Structure formats: structure tokens, C-alpha cells
């Protein structure tokens, strides 16, 4: 099973789990399994069926944009890290 690491802001939607185990032969299938296991997480990661633009995914510390994106194949020893971009600041 592939491990998906869950960032702190999203843990309330995964029963406060910092990581979860999912099956899937590629990243898209793993994310589908994650959505099925934790339906409340969907709205925070997806807009319709598309991954939100501010959600970055890293497979074994490598940006999936540098690989085959959501079609990147997975093995049982892989770790997928979800990193939502954080924006904000002050206007002075």
C-alpha cells in the first residue's frame, strides 16, 4: 500500500491521521481511494474532478509535475505528500 502523508490543516478530515495507507496503481487511483475513505477531504483537495491549483503533490520528495502528474505509477513503498500552498499576509 502507498502511504499518503496528510498535512496538519487537513488532518481533521482524516480522523486526525498524519498518514493513511491506500491502494492504487497510480496517483489518481490513490487519491480516489483517499477520497472514498475520507469523503470530507474531497472539497479541500478537488474542484469538481480536478485537483485544486493550490494543492501540490510530492512522490518520494519529487514534485509530481516533474513526473507523469496524476498518472505517475505507484509502488507499495512509495510515499505521497500533500502540500497545500499557503497564501496571505498583511497589507500595510
N, C-alpha and C. Protein backbone atom coordinates (compact mmCIF):
# COMPACT_ATOMS: atom_id res chain seq x y z
N UNK A 1 0.83 -1.19 0.00
CA UNK A 1 0.00 0.00 0.00
C UNK A 1 0.87 1.25 0.00
N UNK A 2 0.42 2.25 -0.69
CA UNK A 2 1.10 3.54 -0.72
C UNK A 2 0.71 4.35 0.51
N UNK A 3 1.67 5.07 1.07
CA UNK A 3 1.40 5.94 2.20
C UNK A 3 1.16 7.36 1.69
N UNK A 4 0.09 7.98 2.16
CA UNK A 4 -0.16 9.39 1.86
C UNK A 4 0.00 10.15 3.17
N UNK A 5 0.91 11.12 3.16
CA UNK A 5 1.15 11.97 4.33
C UNK A 5 0.17 13.14 4.29
N UNK A 6 -0.52 13.35 5.39
CA UNK A 6 -1.56 14.37 5.48
C UNK A 6 -1.03 15.57 6.27
N UNK A 7 -1.08 16.77 5.69
CA UNK A 7 -0.61 17.95 6.43
C UNK A 7 -1.58 18.31 7.57
N UNK A 8 -1.06 18.97 8.58
CA UNK A 8 -1.84 19.30 9.78
C UNK A 8 -3.18 19.98 9.49
N UNK A 9 -3.25 20.95 8.56
CA UNK A 9 -4.56 21.60 8.33
C UNK A 9 -5.65 20.67 7.79
N UNK A 10 -5.24 19.54 7.19
CA UNK A 10 -6.23 18.61 6.62
C UNK A 10 -6.52 17.42 7.52
N UNK A 11 -5.80 17.28 8.60
CA UNK A 11 -5.98 16.11 9.47
C UNK A 11 -7.36 16.02 10.11
N UNK A 12 -8.04 17.13 10.40
CA UNK A 12 -9.39 16.99 10.96
C UNK A 12 -10.34 16.21 10.03
N UNK A 13 -10.03 16.16 8.75
CA UNK A 13 -10.88 15.47 7.78
C UNK A 13 -10.46 14.02 7.57
N UNK A 14 -9.39 13.59 8.26
CA UNK A 14 -8.92 12.21 8.16
C UNK A 14 -8.86 11.56 9.54
N UNK A 15 -9.72 12.00 10.45
CA UNK A 15 -9.70 11.45 11.79
C UNK A 15 -8.41 11.77 12.54
N UNK A 16 -7.80 12.90 12.20
CA UNK A 16 -6.53 13.37 12.78
C UNK A 16 -5.35 12.46 12.46
N UNK A 17 -5.46 11.67 11.40
CA UNK A 17 -4.34 10.83 10.97
C UNK A 17 -3.31 11.67 10.24
N UNK A 18 -2.04 11.47 10.56
CA UNK A 18 -0.97 12.17 9.86
C UNK A 18 -0.57 11.44 8.58
N UNK A 19 -0.96 10.18 8.48
CA UNK A 19 -0.73 9.43 7.25
C UNK A 19 -1.80 8.36 7.13
N UNK A 20 -2.08 7.98 5.89
CA UNK A 20 -3.05 6.93 5.62
C UNK A 20 -2.47 6.01 4.56
N UNK A 21 -2.92 4.78 4.56
CA UNK A 21 -2.49 3.79 3.58
C UNK A 21 -3.61 3.62 2.55
N UNK A 22 -3.25 3.65 1.28
CA UNK A 22 -4.23 3.46 0.20
C UNK A 22 -3.65 2.54 -0.85
N UNK A 23 -4.53 1.99 -1.65
CA UNK A 23 -4.11 1.20 -2.80
C UNK A 23 -4.40 2.00 -4.06
N UNK A 24 -3.67 1.71 -5.09
CA UNK A 24 -3.86 2.37 -6.38
C UNK A 24 -2.61 2.19 -7.20
N UNK A 25 -2.79 1.97 -8.50
CA UNK A 25 -1.63 1.75 -9.35
C UNK A 25 -0.99 3.04 -9.83
N UNK A 26 -1.69 4.18 -9.62
CA UNK A 26 -1.09 5.48 -9.94
C UNK A 26 -1.63 6.52 -8.95
N UNK A 27 -1.13 7.74 -9.05
CA UNK A 27 -1.51 8.77 -8.09
C UNK A 27 -3.00 9.07 -8.16
N UNK A 28 -3.57 9.13 -9.36
CA UNK A 28 -5.00 9.39 -9.49
C UNK A 28 -5.82 8.34 -8.75
N UNK A 29 -5.46 7.08 -8.89
CA UNK A 29 -6.19 6.00 -8.21
C UNK A 29 -6.01 6.07 -6.70
N UNK A 30 -4.82 6.44 -6.25
CA UNK A 30 -4.56 6.58 -4.81
C UNK A 30 -5.40 7.71 -4.23
N UNK A 31 -5.49 8.82 -4.95
CA UNK A 31 -6.31 9.94 -4.47
C UNK A 31 -7.79 9.59 -4.48
N UNK A 32 -8.22 8.79 -5.45
CA UNK A 32 -9.61 8.33 -5.48
C UNK A 32 -9.90 7.47 -4.25
N UNK A 33 -8.95 6.61 -3.89
CA UNK A 33 -9.11 5.77 -2.70
C UNK A 33 -9.14 6.64 -1.44
N UNK A 34 -8.32 7.68 -1.40
CA UNK A 34 -8.30 8.60 -0.26
C UNK A 34 -9.65 9.31 -0.13
N UNK A 35 -10.19 9.79 -1.25
CA UNK A 35 -11.50 10.47 -1.24
C UNK A 35 -12.61 9.53 -0.79
N UNK A 36 -12.52 8.28 -1.20
CA UNK A 36 -13.54 7.31 -0.81
C UNK A 36 -13.46 7.02 0.69
N UNK A 37 -12.24 6.94 1.21
CA UNK A 37 -12.04 6.64 2.62
C UNK A 37 -12.41 7.84 3.51
N UNK A 38 -12.15 9.05 3.00
CA UNK A 38 -12.40 10.28 3.77
C UNK A 38 -13.13 11.30 2.89
N UNK A 39 -14.44 11.13 2.71
CA UNK A 39 -15.21 11.99 1.79
C UNK A 39 -15.14 13.48 2.12
N UNK A 40 -15.01 13.84 3.39
CA UNK A 40 -14.95 15.26 3.75
C UNK A 40 -13.69 15.95 3.23
N UNK A 41 -12.68 15.17 2.93
CA UNK A 41 -11.42 15.71 2.44
C UNK A 41 -11.54 16.21 1.00
N UNK A 42 -12.47 15.65 0.26
CA UNK A 42 -12.60 15.95 -1.18
C UNK A 42 -12.64 17.44 -1.48
N UNK A 43 -13.50 18.18 -0.80
CA UNK A 43 -13.68 19.61 -1.11
C UNK A 43 -12.42 20.42 -0.85
N UNK A 44 -11.53 19.92 -0.04
CA UNK A 44 -10.31 20.64 0.27
C UNK A 44 -9.18 20.36 -0.73
N UNK A 45 -9.34 19.28 -1.49
CA UNK A 45 -8.31 18.91 -2.47
C UNK A 45 -8.77 19.08 -3.91
N UNK A 46 -10.08 18.99 -4.15
CA UNK A 46 -10.59 18.96 -5.51
C UNK A 46 -11.65 20.02 -5.76
N UNK A 47 -11.64 20.51 -6.98
CA UNK A 47 -12.70 21.37 -7.51
C UNK A 47 -13.36 20.54 -8.60
N UNK A 48 -14.52 19.97 -8.30
CA UNK A 48 -15.11 19.00 -9.22
C UNK A 48 -14.23 17.76 -9.23
N UNK A 49 -13.77 17.39 -10.41
CA UNK A 49 -12.88 16.24 -10.53
C UNK A 49 -11.41 16.63 -10.67
N UNK A 50 -11.14 17.93 -10.66
CA UNK A 50 -9.77 18.42 -10.85
C UNK A 50 -9.11 18.76 -9.52
N UNK A 51 -7.84 18.41 -9.40
CA UNK A 51 -7.07 18.78 -8.23
C UNK A 51 -6.98 20.30 -8.16
N UNK A 52 -7.24 20.87 -7.00
CA UNK A 52 -7.18 22.33 -6.86
C UNK A 52 -5.77 22.83 -7.17
N UNK A 53 -5.69 24.01 -7.76
CA UNK A 53 -4.40 24.55 -8.23
C UNK A 53 -3.42 24.80 -7.09
N UNK A 54 -3.91 25.01 -5.88
CA UNK A 54 -3.00 25.29 -4.77
C UNK A 54 -2.54 24.03 -4.03
N UNK A 55 -2.95 22.86 -4.51
CA UNK A 55 -2.54 21.60 -3.88
C UNK A 55 -1.36 21.04 -4.66
N UNK A 56 -0.25 20.87 -3.97
CA UNK A 56 0.96 20.31 -4.58
C UNK A 56 1.17 18.90 -4.04
N UNK A 57 1.60 18.01 -4.92
CA UNK A 57 1.84 16.62 -4.54
C UNK A 57 3.28 16.26 -4.82
N UNK A 58 3.88 15.56 -3.87
CA UNK A 58 5.26 15.12 -3.99
C UNK A 58 5.32 13.63 -3.75
N UNK A 59 5.91 12.92 -4.69
CA UNK A 59 6.08 11.48 -4.58
C UNK A 59 7.53 11.22 -4.21
N UNK A 60 7.74 10.68 -3.03
CA UNK A 60 9.11 10.43 -2.55
C UNK A 60 9.97 11.68 -2.68
N UNK A 61 9.41 12.82 -2.28
CA UNK A 61 10.06 14.13 -2.25
C UNK A 61 10.27 14.76 -3.62
N UNK A 62 9.68 14.18 -4.68
CA UNK A 62 9.79 14.74 -6.02
C UNK A 62 8.42 15.24 -6.47
N UNK A 63 8.38 16.49 -6.95
CA UNK A 63 7.13 17.10 -7.43
C UNK A 63 6.57 16.24 -8.56
N UNK A 64 5.29 15.87 -8.45
CA UNK A 64 4.71 15.02 -9.49
C UNK A 64 4.61 15.74 -10.82
N UNK A 65 4.69 17.08 -10.81
CA UNK A 65 4.69 17.83 -12.07
C UNK A 65 5.94 17.51 -12.89
N UNK A 66 7.00 17.07 -12.22
CA UNK A 66 8.23 16.69 -12.91
C UNK A 66 8.21 15.23 -13.33
N UNK A 67 7.16 14.52 -12.97
CA UNK A 67 6.99 13.11 -13.32
C UNK A 67 5.87 13.02 -14.35
N UNK A 68 4.95 12.09 -14.17
CA UNK A 68 3.81 11.95 -15.09
C UNK A 68 2.51 12.45 -14.48
N UNK A 69 2.63 13.44 -13.57
CA UNK A 69 1.44 14.02 -12.96
C UNK A 69 0.62 12.97 -12.23
N UNK A 70 -0.69 13.06 -12.35
CA UNK A 70 -1.58 12.13 -11.66
C UNK A 70 -1.50 10.71 -12.22
N UNK A 71 -0.91 10.57 -13.39
CA UNK A 71 -0.76 9.24 -13.99
C UNK A 71 0.54 8.55 -13.58
N UNK A 72 1.32 9.18 -12.71
CA UNK A 72 2.57 8.60 -12.24
C UNK A 72 2.29 7.27 -11.54
N UNK A 73 2.96 6.20 -11.96
CA UNK A 73 2.75 4.90 -11.32
C UNK A 73 3.23 4.89 -9.87
N UNK A 74 2.61 4.04 -9.07
CA UNK A 74 2.97 3.90 -7.66
C UNK A 74 3.39 2.47 -7.34
N UNK A 75 4.23 2.35 -6.32
CA UNK A 75 4.58 1.05 -5.77
C UNK A 75 4.15 1.02 -4.30
N UNK A 76 4.22 -0.13 -3.69
CA UNK A 76 3.80 -0.27 -2.30
C UNK A 76 4.70 0.48 -1.33
N UNK A 77 5.90 0.82 -1.74
CA UNK A 77 6.83 1.50 -0.82
C UNK A 77 6.84 3.01 -1.01
N UNK A 78 6.02 3.53 -1.91
CA UNK A 78 6.01 4.97 -2.18
C UNK A 78 5.31 5.76 -1.07
N UNK A 79 5.74 7.01 -0.94
CA UNK A 79 5.09 7.96 -0.03
C UNK A 79 4.69 9.18 -0.82
N UNK A 80 3.42 9.53 -0.75
CA UNK A 80 2.87 10.70 -1.43
C UNK A 80 2.59 11.76 -0.37
N UNK A 81 3.14 12.94 -0.58
CA UNK A 81 2.99 14.04 0.36
C UNK A 81 2.08 15.10 -0.24
N UNK A 82 1.06 15.51 0.50
CA UNK A 82 0.15 16.57 0.08
C UNK A 82 0.61 17.86 0.73
N UNK A 83 0.86 18.88 -0.08
CA UNK A 83 1.28 20.19 0.43
C UNK A 83 0.34 21.25 -0.15
N UNK A 84 -0.61 21.74 0.64
CA UNK A 84 -1.43 22.85 0.15
C UNK A 84 -0.63 24.15 0.26
N UNK A 85 -0.66 24.95 -0.79
CA UNK A 85 0.01 26.25 -0.75
C UNK A 85 -0.69 27.14 0.26
N UNK A 86 0.09 27.96 0.91
CA UNK A 86 -0.47 28.88 1.90
C UNK A 86 -0.23 30.29 1.39
N UNK A 87 -1.30 31.06 1.37
CA UNK A 87 -1.19 32.45 0.92
C UNK A 87 -1.69 33.35 2.04
N UNK A 88 -1.29 34.56 1.96
CA UNK A 88 -1.77 35.50 2.96
C UNK A 88 -0.72 36.54 3.25
N UNK A 89 -0.95 37.28 4.26
CA UNK A 89 -0.03 38.34 4.63
C UNK A 89 -0.81 39.57 5.00
N UNK A 90 -0.08 40.63 5.20
CA UNK A 90 -0.72 41.88 5.60
C UNK A 90 -0.52 42.94 4.54
N UNK A 91 -1.54 43.70 4.33
CA UNK A 91 -1.42 44.90 3.51
C UNK A 91 -1.26 46.07 4.46
N UNK A 92 -0.14 46.75 4.39
CA UNK A 92 0.08 47.91 5.27
C UNK A 92 -0.11 49.19 4.51
